């Protein structure tokens, strides 16, 4: 059973963090965390995939402007495992998004659209949220 959480008017500014705890489903194919203005303008699309045709288990990061995707950044280091409880911390630094993964690995993704305030947060896919904290 996949979940969907959508928050509008989140008002996350530079220096803010989003902490997400939850369980990756046992049969997970993928889930995503999106940050932006709305579903058509995303500064960050964080998308762990557990069976990608090209790279196997991979984390894909991207941005979307006016409904058009940018160039994917693919991380082959994917410590996220099906059937596990995880904590992911997303930090908004202004020029970058920093994502702290459960094994201590950090992914950095540029704020390609120079979005100063994140109003839209969406978490969807094969992930069961147990806690979300805006700080």
C-alpha atoms as a PDB file:
ATOM      1  CA  UNK A   1       0.000   0.000   0.000  1.00  0.00           C
ATOM      2  CA  UNK A   2       1.626   3.228  -1.094  1.00  0.00           C
ATOM      3  CA  UNK A   3       1.076   6.500   0.742  1.00  0.00           C
ATOM      4  CA  UNK A   4       0.769  10.116  -0.272  1.00  0.00           C
ATOM      5  CA  UNK A   5       1.279  13.192   1.871  1.00  0.00           C
ATOM      6  CA  UNK A   6       1.002  16.633   0.350  1.00  0.00           C
ATOM      7  CA  UNK A   7       1.633  19.927   2.159  1.00  0.00           C
ATOM      8  CA  UNK A   8       0.970  23.333   0.633  1.00  0.00           C
ATOM      9  CA  UNK A   9       2.158  26.589   2.224  1.00  0.00           C
ATOM     10  CA  UNK A  10       5.030  24.861   4.056  1.00  0.00           C
ATOM     11  CA  UNK A  11       7.051  28.117   4.006  1.00  0.00           C
ATOM     12  CA  UNK A  12      10.472  26.447   4.389  1.00  0.00           C
ATOM     13  CA  UNK A  13      13.264  29.001   4.041  1.00  0.00           C
ATOM     14  CA  UNK A  14      17.053  28.784   3.840  1.00  0.00           C
ATOM     15  CA  UNK A  15      18.336  27.031   6.965  1.00  0.00           C
ATOM     16  CA  UNK A  16      15.191  24.908   7.377  1.00  0.00           C
ATOM     17  CA  UNK A  17      15.236  21.141   7.706  1.00  0.00           C
ATOM     18  CA  UNK A  18      12.707  18.467   6.937  1.00  0.00           C
ATOM     19  CA  UNK A  19      13.090  15.261   8.956  1.00  0.00           C
ATOM     20  CA  UNK A  20      11.207  12.215   7.756  1.00  0.00           C
ATOM     21  CA  UNK A  21      10.969   8.865   9.521  1.00  0.00           C
ATOM     22  CA  UNK A  22       9.209   5.875   8.120  1.00  0.00           C
ATOM     23  CA  UNK A  23       9.324   2.376   6.735  1.00  0.00           C
ATOM     24  CA  UNK A  24      10.262   1.416   3.209  1.00  0.00           C
ATOM     25  CA  UNK A  25       7.718  -1.218   2.225  1.00  0.00           C
ATOM     26  CA  UNK A  26       8.899  -4.837   1.805  1.00  0.00           C
ATOM     27  CA  UNK A  27       7.946  -4.908  -1.876  1.00  0.00           C
ATOM     28  CA  UNK A  28       8.946  -1.301  -2.618  1.00  0.00           C
ATOM     29  CA  UNK A  29       9.739  -0.308  -6.177  1.00  0.00           C
ATOM     30  CA  UNK A  30      10.261   3.406  -5.450  1.00  0.00           C
ATOM     31  CA  UNK A  31       9.184   6.405  -3.431  1.00  0.00           C
ATOM     32  CA  UNK A  32       9.745  10.116  -3.788  1.00  0.00           C
ATOM     33  CA  UNK A  33      10.095  13.286  -1.786  1.00  0.00           C
ATOM     34  CA  UNK A  34       9.397  16.486  -3.718  1.00  0.00           C
ATOM     35  CA  UNK A  35      10.106  20.049  -2.603  1.00  0.00           C
ATOM     36  CA  UNK A  36       9.129  23.114  -4.579  1.00  0.00           C
ATOM     37  CA  UNK A  37       6.472  25.656  -5.449  1.00  0.00           C
ATOM     38  CA  UNK A  38       3.885  23.122  -6.665  1.00  0.00           C
ATOM     39  CA  UNK A  39       3.800  19.795  -8.532  1.00  0.00           C
ATOM     40  CA  UNK A  40       4.954  21.471 -11.782  1.00  0.00           C
ATOM     41  CA  UNK A  41       7.839  23.474 -10.257  1.00  0.00           C
ATOM     42  CA  UNK A  42      10.094  21.292  -8.106  1.00  0.00           C
ATOM     43  CA  UNK A  43      13.453  22.427  -6.806  1.00  0.00           C
ATOM     44  CA  UNK A  44      14.167  18.894  -5.540  1.00  0.00           C
ATOM     45  CA  UNK A  45      12.803  15.516  -6.604  1.00  0.00           C
ATOM     46  CA  UNK A  46      14.404  12.788  -4.429  1.00  0.00           C
ATOM     47  CA  UNK A  47      13.512   9.359  -5.839  1.00  0.00           C
ATOM     48  CA  UNK A  48      15.041   6.134  -4.450  1.00  0.00           C
ATOM     49  CA  UNK A  49      14.408   3.272  -6.873  1.00  0.00           C
ATOM     50  CA  UNK A  50      14.896  -0.322  -5.833  1.00  0.00           C
ATOM     51  CA  UNK A  51      14.886  -1.932  -9.258  1.00  0.00           C
ATOM     52  CA  UNK A  52      16.011   0.507 -11.954  1.00  0.00           C
ATOM     53  CA  UNK A  53      16.541  -0.980 -15.429  1.00  0.00           C
ATOM     54  CA  UNK A  54      19.861   0.830 -15.818  1.00  0.00           C
ATOM     55  CA  UNK A  55      21.525   0.869 -12.401  1.00  0.00           C
ATOM     56  CA  UNK A  56      19.598  -1.551 -10.145  1.00  0.00           C
ATOM     57  CA  UNK A  57      19.082   0.132  -6.754  1.00  0.00           C
ATOM     58  CA  UNK A  58      19.715   3.819  -7.346  1.00  0.00           C
ATOM     59  CA  UNK A  59      18.756   7.241  -5.987  1.00  0.00           C
ATOM     60  CA  UNK A  60      17.666   9.755  -8.614  1.00  0.00           C
ATOM     61  CA  UNK A  61      17.575  13.484  -7.895  1.00  0.00           C
ATOM     62  CA  UNK A  62      16.191  16.030 -10.309  1.00  0.00           C
ATOM     63  CA  UNK A  63      14.325  19.318 -10.657  1.00  0.00           C
ATOM     64  CA  UNK A  64      11.233  20.204 -12.678  1.00  0.00           C
ATOM     65  CA  UNK A  65      10.508  23.642 -14.103  1.00  0.00           C
ATOM     66  CA  UNK A  66       7.121  24.463 -15.666  1.00  0.00           C
ATOM     67  CA  UNK A  67       6.448  20.729 -15.945  1.00  0.00           C
ATOM     68  CA  UNK A  68       9.761  19.928 -17.700  1.00  0.00           C
ATOM     69  CA  UNK A  69      12.344  17.685 -16.023  1.00  0.00           C
ATOM     70  CA  UNK A  70      16.016  18.671 -15.857  1.00  0.00           C
ATOM     71  CA  UNK A  71      19.025  16.365 -16.095  1.00  0.00           C
ATOM     72  CA  UNK A  72      18.956  13.518 -13.579  1.00  0.00           C
ATOM     73  CA  UNK A  73      21.654  13.106 -10.985  1.00  0.00           C
ATOM     74  CA  UNK A  74      21.967   9.377 -10.315  1.00  0.00           C
ATOM     75  CA  UNK A  75      23.583   8.076  -7.105  1.00  0.00           C
ATOM     76  CA  UNK A  76      24.525   4.414  -7.280  1.00  0.00           C
ATOM     77  CA  UNK A  77      25.315   4.436  -3.545  1.00  0.00           C
ATOM     78  CA  UNK A  78      21.875   3.594  -2.165  1.00  0.00           C
ATOM     79  CA  UNK A  79      21.904   2.546   1.504  1.00  0.00           C
ATOM     80  CA  UNK A  80      18.087   2.446   1.615  1.00  0.00           C
ATOM     81  CA  UNK A  81      16.739  -1.104   1.855  1.00  0.00           C
ATOM     82  CA  UNK A  82      13.272  -2.540   1.421  1.00  0.00           C
ATOM     83  CA  UNK A  83      11.516  -3.446   4.659  1.00  0.00           C
ATOM     84  CA  UNK A  84      13.601  -1.150   6.866  1.00  0.00           C
ATOM     85  CA  UNK A  85      12.805   1.836   9.075  1.00  0.00           C
ATOM     86  CA  UNK A  86      14.748   4.927   8.045  1.00  0.00           C
ATOM     87  CA  UNK A  87      15.300   8.572   8.885  1.00  0.00           C
ATOM     88  CA  UNK A  88      16.069  11.021   6.084  1.00  0.00           C
ATOM     89  CA  UNK A  89      17.013  14.634   6.797  1.00  0.00           C
ATOM     90  CA  UNK A  90      16.704  17.244   4.039  1.00  0.00           C
ATOM     91  CA  UNK A  91      18.468  20.565   4.619  1.00  0.00           C
ATOM     92  CA  UNK A  92      17.778  23.705   2.608  1.00  0.00           C
ATOM     93  CA  UNK A  93      21.036  25.664   2.404  1.00  0.00           C
ATOM     94  CA  UNK A  94      20.099  28.121  -0.357  1.00  0.00           C
ATOM     95  CA  UNK A  95      22.372  27.071  -3.201  1.00  0.00           C
ATOM     96  CA  UNK A  96      22.087  23.373  -2.320  1.00  0.00           C
ATOM     97  CA  UNK A  97      19.878  20.728  -0.855  1.00  0.00           C
ATOM     98  CA  UNK A  98      21.707  18.369   1.489  1.00  0.00           C
ATOM     99  CA  UNK A  99      20.192  14.958   2.177  1.00  0.00           C
ATOM    100  CA  UNK A 100      21.485  12.938   5.114  1.00  0.00           C
ATOM    101  CA  UNK A 101      20.870   9.218   4.625  1.00  0.00           C
ATOM    102  CA  UNK A 102      20.687   6.553   7.360  1.00  0.00           C
ATOM    103  CA  UNK A 103      24.252   5.265   6.831  1.00  0.00           C
ATOM    104  CA  UNK A 104      25.751   8.760   7.249  1.00  0.00           C
ATOM    105  CA  UNK A 105      26.165   9.262   3.496  1.00  0.00           C
ATOM    106  CA  UNK A 106      25.172  12.719   2.264  1.00  0.00           C
ATOM    107  CA  UNK A 107      23.826  13.662  -1.138  1.00  0.00           C
ATOM    108  CA  UNK A 108      24.081  17.251  -2.330  1.00  0.00           C
ATOM    109  CA  UNK A 109      21.847  18.528  -5.097  1.00  0.00           C
ATOM    110  CA  UNK A 110      21.990  22.085  -6.459  1.00  0.00           C
ATOM    111  CA  UNK A 111      19.047  24.444  -6.127  1.00  0.00           C
ATOM    112  CA  UNK A 112      18.893  24.836  -9.919  1.00  0.00           C
ATOM    113  CA  UNK A 113      15.877  27.136  -9.855  1.00  0.00           C
ATOM    114  CA  UNK A 114      17.223  29.319  -7.017  1.00  0.00           C
ATOM    115  CA  UNK A 115      14.011  28.799  -5.048  1.00  0.00           C
ATOM    116  CA  UNK A 116      14.327  30.800  -1.806  1.00  0.00           C
ATOM    117  CA  UNK A 117      11.149  29.468  -0.159  1.00  0.00           C
ATOM    118  CA  UNK A 118       9.766  25.940  -0.419  1.00  0.00           C
ATOM    119  CA  UNK A 119       5.979  25.980  -0.174  1.00  0.00           C
ATOM    120  CA  UNK A 120       5.169  22.518  -1.510  1.00  0.00           C
ATOM    121  CA  UNK A 121       6.180  19.172   0.007  1.00  0.00           C
ATOM    122  CA  UNK A 122       4.963  15.830  -1.331  1.00  0.00           C
ATOM    123  CA  UNK A 123       5.936  12.348  -0.175  1.00  0.00           C
ATOM    124  CA  UNK A 124       4.488   9.490  -2.168  1.00  0.00           C
ATOM    125  CA  UNK A 125       5.179   5.922  -3.158  1.00  0.00           C
ATOM    126  CA  UNK A 126       6.177   2.740  -1.364  1.00  0.00           C
ATOM    127  CA  UNK A 127       6.960   4.411   1.958  1.00  0.00           C
ATOM    128  CA  UNK A 128       4.942   4.458   5.189  1.00  0.00           C
ATOM    129  CA  UNK A 129       5.505   7.719   7.073  1.00  0.00           C
ATOM    130  CA  UNK A 130       5.698   7.458  10.860  1.00  0.00           C
ATOM    131  CA  UNK A 131       6.911  11.000  11.622  1.00  0.00           C
ATOM    132  CA  UNK A 132       7.565  14.200   9.737  1.00  0.00           C
ATOM    133  CA  UNK A 133       9.091  17.284  11.314  1.00  0.00           C
ATOM    134  CA  UNK A 134       9.568  20.747   9.845  1.00  0.00           C
ATOM    135  CA  UNK A 135      12.301  22.656  11.654  1.00  0.00           C
END
